Amino acid sequence: MLSNIKDLLYPSKCIGCGVWGRALCDRCLSKIEGFKLYKDMFAFGLYEGVLKELVHSAKYLGYAEPLKELVLAFRSDIEGIKSKVDLIVPVPEDPSRRRIFNHVLYFAKLLGLVLDLGVSVSLYKVRSTPPQVGLGKSDRENNLRGAFSAKESLEGRRVLLVDDVSTTGTTLEECSRVLLESGALEVQRLVVAVNP
């Protein structure tokens, strides 16, 4: 009942094409490549078109309904990785660039609901770093070296590390290294999109 009233007062508009009714319509969902392994990480597709709009919407506008639609649309595919992990850890925000809405943590919690797994915020950033945008791979590595730490032991845990976009994979590599050093048995990686 409340959901129907909310839909009447605040109708959803598709992030991809602008049609009213849903935050991500079936037509735009069909343009997404689909949940699969891209090199060494799981993703829904390339960082372009609908997925790029979806990430921008969540990251800069705090509007994450399309992200929820995405996760629910590919729920059965996502459930295929449940046997490989037993804990979800989001990539932490940079302390100097904190936003009102942490879209990566929200994404991790959505995945936690689908996979029936806990979400740990044990990974944190110990120092601020300049944005990675525009940096080459070696500069990205130097920028992030020693920037992350873990608050607790993850001894024997199989971790699903979650972020929004991966470009060179440097952030995920550094976070994975820290998680493994804190005792994680293995680390799987999952992002919304891969930047080609």
Protein backbone atom coordinates (compact mmCIF):
# COMPACT_ATOMS: atom_id res chain seq x y z
CA MET A 1 0.00 0.00 0.00
CA LEU A 2 2.72 2.49 1.07
CA SER A 3 4.78 1.44 -1.96
CA ASN A 4 1.87 2.26 -4.29
CA ILE A 5 1.40 5.69 -2.67
CA LYS A 6 5.15 6.38 -2.98
CA ASP A 7 5.05 5.43 -6.68
CA LEU A 8 2.17 7.87 -7.26
CA LEU A 9 3.85 10.73 -5.40
CA TYR A 10 7.42 10.05 -6.60
CA PRO A 11 7.28 8.04 -9.81
CA SER A 12 10.53 6.48 -10.98
CA LYS A 13 12.19 7.58 -14.18
CA CYS A 14 14.55 5.25 -16.05
CA ILE A 15 18.17 6.33 -15.69
CA GLY A 16 18.93 5.08 -19.20
CA CYS A 17 16.16 6.39 -21.45
CA GLY A 18 14.05 8.65 -19.21
CA VAL A 19 10.80 6.71 -19.54
CA TRP A 20 8.58 6.90 -16.46
CA GLY A 21 7.71 3.83 -14.39
CA ARG A 22 10.95 2.23 -13.21
CA ALA A 23 14.43 3.41 -12.26
CA LEU A 24 15.85 1.03 -14.87
CA CYS A 25 13.42 -0.21 -17.50
CA ASP A 26 13.50 -3.62 -19.20
CA ARG A 27 14.68 -2.11 -22.48
CA CYS A 28 17.69 -0.48 -20.82
CA LEU A 29 18.37 -3.58 -18.71
CA SER A 30 18.57 -5.60 -21.95
CA LYS A 31 21.42 -3.33 -23.13
CA ILE A 32 23.59 -4.43 -20.20
CA GLU A 33 26.01 -7.20 -21.11
CA GLY A 34 25.16 -9.25 -18.05
CA PHE A 35 26.82 -10.52 -14.90
CA LYS A 36 29.97 -12.46 -15.76
CA LEU A 37 33.71 -12.72 -15.20
CA TYR A 38 35.78 -9.99 -16.86
CA LYS A 39 39.45 -11.00 -16.63
CA ASP A 40 39.84 -11.44 -12.85
CA MET A 41 36.64 -9.82 -11.58
CA PHE A 42 32.89 -10.14 -11.84
CA ALA A 43 31.01 -7.22 -13.43
CA PHE A 44 27.78 -6.38 -15.22
CA GLY A 45 29.52 -4.89 -18.26
CA LEU A 46 31.69 -2.07 -19.50
CA TYR A 47 31.62 1.40 -17.97
CA GLU A 48 29.58 3.05 -20.70
CA GLY A 49 25.96 3.78 -21.60
CA VAL A 50 23.42 2.67 -19.01
CA LEU A 51 26.00 1.38 -16.51
CA LYS A 52 27.92 4.66 -16.59
CA GLU A 53 24.68 6.60 -15.97
CA LEU A 54 23.79 4.22 -13.15
CA VAL A 55 27.15 4.70 -11.38
CA HIS A 56 27.06 8.50 -11.82
CA SER A 57 23.51 8.60 -10.47
CA ALA A 58 24.46 6.69 -7.31
CA LYS A 59 27.87 8.29 -6.77
CA TYR A 60 27.12 11.95 -7.42
CA LEU A 61 23.34 12.26 -6.93
CA GLY A 62 22.76 9.66 -4.21
CA TYR A 63 20.04 8.05 -6.34
CA ALA A 64 20.63 4.32 -6.03
CA GLU A 65 17.28 2.85 -7.10
CA PRO A 66 18.74 1.88 -10.53
CA LEU A 67 21.52 -0.01 -8.71
CA LYS A 68 18.88 -1.95 -6.78
CA GLU A 69 17.04 -2.73 -10.04
CA LEU A 70 20.31 -3.98 -11.56
CA VAL A 71 21.09 -6.33 -8.68
CA LEU A 72 17.54 -7.72 -8.58
CA ALA A 73 17.46 -8.22 -12.38
CA PHE A 74 20.64 -10.34 -12.27
CA ARG A 75 19.90 -11.99 -8.92
CA SER A 76 20.03 -15.58 -10.19
CA ASP A 77 23.39 -14.96 -11.90
CA ILE A 78 24.84 -13.30 -8.79
CA GLU A 79 23.71 -16.22 -6.62
CA GLY A 80 26.10 -18.41 -8.63
CA ILE A 81 29.08 -17.01 -6.71
CA LYS A 82 27.64 -17.72 -3.25
CA SER A 83 29.56 -20.99 -2.91
CA LYS A 84 32.87 -19.12 -3.43
CA VAL A 85 32.51 -16.50 -0.66
CA ASP A 86 31.32 -16.11 2.91
CA LEU A 87 31.81 -12.39 3.61
CA ILE A 88 31.41 -9.15 1.61
CA VAL A 89 33.83 -6.23 2.04
CA PRO A 90 33.32 -2.92 0.21
CA VAL A 91 36.24 -0.76 -0.93
CA PRO A 92 36.25 2.13 1.58
CA GLU A 93 35.72 5.79 0.79
CA ASP A 94 38.61 8.24 0.86
CA PRO A 95 38.27 10.18 4.15
CA SER A 96 38.79 13.53 2.38
CA ARG A 97 36.10 12.83 -0.22
CA ARG A 98 33.30 11.39 1.92
CA ARG A 99 29.85 11.80 0.46
CA ILE A 100 26.51 11.87 2.24
CA PHE A 101 25.64 8.58 0.55
CA ASN A 102 28.18 5.75 0.31
CA HIS A 103 27.05 4.02 -2.89
CA VAL A 104 29.68 1.25 -2.69
CA LEU A 105 28.57 0.27 0.82
CA TYR A 106 24.94 0.33 -0.38
CA PHE A 107 25.90 -1.92 -3.32
CA ALA A 108 27.65 -4.31 -0.92
CA LYS A 109 24.55 -4.45 1.30
CA LEU A 110 22.33 -5.20 -1.71
CA LEU A 111 24.65 -8.08 -2.61
CA GLY A 112 24.57 -9.22 1.01
CA LEU A 113 20.78 -9.48 0.86
CA VAL A 114 20.88 -11.44 -2.40
CA LEU A 115 23.65 -13.79 -1.22
CA ASP A 116 22.47 -13.94 2.41
CA LEU A 117 25.96 -12.91 3.58
CA GLY A 118 27.26 -10.41 6.08
CA VAL A 119 28.96 -7.16 5.06
CA SER A 120 32.11 -6.12 6.90
CA VAL A 121 33.55 -2.61 6.90
CA SER A 122 36.84 -3.93 8.28
CA LEU A 123 38.78 -2.43 5.36
CA TYR A 124 39.53 1.29 5.74
CA LYS A 125 41.70 3.95 4.17
CA VAL A 126 44.49 5.12 6.46
CA ARG A 127 45.39 8.17 4.40
CA SER A 128 43.85 10.33 1.71
CA THR A 129 45.14 9.94 -1.82
CA PRO A 130 44.69 12.09 -4.92
CA PRO A 131 41.97 10.81 -7.29
CA GLN A 132 43.11 7.98 -9.58
CA VAL A 133 41.48 9.51 -12.67
CA GLY A 134 44.08 10.40 -15.30
CA LEU A 135 46.93 8.47 -13.65
CA GLY A 136 48.79 5.66 -15.43
CA LYS A 137 49.09 2.19 -13.88
CA SER A 138 52.45 2.75 -12.14
CA ASP A 139 51.33 6.15 -10.77
CA ARG A 140 48.11 4.54 -9.53
CA GLU A 141 50.10 1.83 -7.75
CA ASN A 142 52.39 4.40 -6.08
CA ASN A 143 49.37 6.53 -5.15
CA LEU A 144 47.65 3.68 -3.31
CA ARG A 145 50.61 1.80 -1.82
CA GLY A 146 50.05 1.57 1.93
CA ALA A 147 46.78 3.53 1.79
CA PHE A 148 44.53 0.72 3.10
CA SER A 149 44.43 -1.35 6.27
CA ALA A 150 42.15 -3.89 7.93
CA LYS A 151 40.61 -3.34 11.38
CA GLU A 152 40.23 -7.01 12.20
CA SER A 153 41.52 -10.44 11.31
CA LEU A 154 39.77 -12.16 8.42
CA GLU A 155 41.41 -15.48 9.19
CA GLY A 156 40.07 -18.24 6.95
CA ARG A 157 37.37 -16.07 5.38
CA ARG A 158 36.60 -16.13 1.65
CA VAL A 159 36.00 -12.47 0.86
CA LEU A 160 34.00 -10.82 -1.90
CA LEU A 161 35.63 -7.40 -2.43
CA VAL A 162 33.16 -4.91 -3.93
CA ASP A 163 33.62 -1.56 -5.74
CA ASP A 164 31.76 0.52 -8.32
CA VAL A 165 34.19 0.75 -11.27
CA SER A 166 37.55 -0.82 -12.09
CA THR A 167 39.87 0.83 -14.60
CA THR A 168 43.33 -0.72 -14.18
CA GLY A 169 42.40 -2.87 -11.18
CA THR A 170 44.98 -1.13 -8.97
CA THR A 171 42.56 -0.31 -6.13
CA LEU A 172 41.21 -3.85 -6.08
CA GLU A 173 44.74 -5.31 -6.16
CA GLU A 174 45.90 -3.18 -3.21
CA CYS A 175 42.75 -3.92 -1.19
CA SER A 176 43.05 -7.63 -1.99
CA ARG A 177 46.66 -7.64 -0.79
CA VAL A 178 45.63 -6.07 2.53
CA LEU A 179 42.75 -8.53 2.98
CA LEU A 180 45.01 -11.51 2.30
CA GLU A 181 47.60 -10.15 4.75
CA SER A 182 44.84 -9.90 7.37
CA GLY A 183 44.19 -13.63 7.00
CA ALA A 184 41.60 -13.90 4.22
CA LEU A 185 41.75 -17.31 2.58
CA GLU A 186 40.96 -15.88 -0.85
CA VAL A 187 39.48 -12.74 -2.40
CA GLN A 188 36.94 -12.62 -5.22
CA ARG A 189 36.31 -9.22 -6.85
CA LEU A 190 33.02 -7.76 -8.01
CA VAL A 191 32.34 -4.33 -9.53
CA VAL A 192 29.38 -2.70 -11.23
CA ALA A 193 31.39 -1.98 -14.38
CA VAL A 194 34.82 -2.33 -15.95
CA ASN A 195 36.32 0.77 -17.55
CA PRO A 196 37.89 -0.37 -20.85
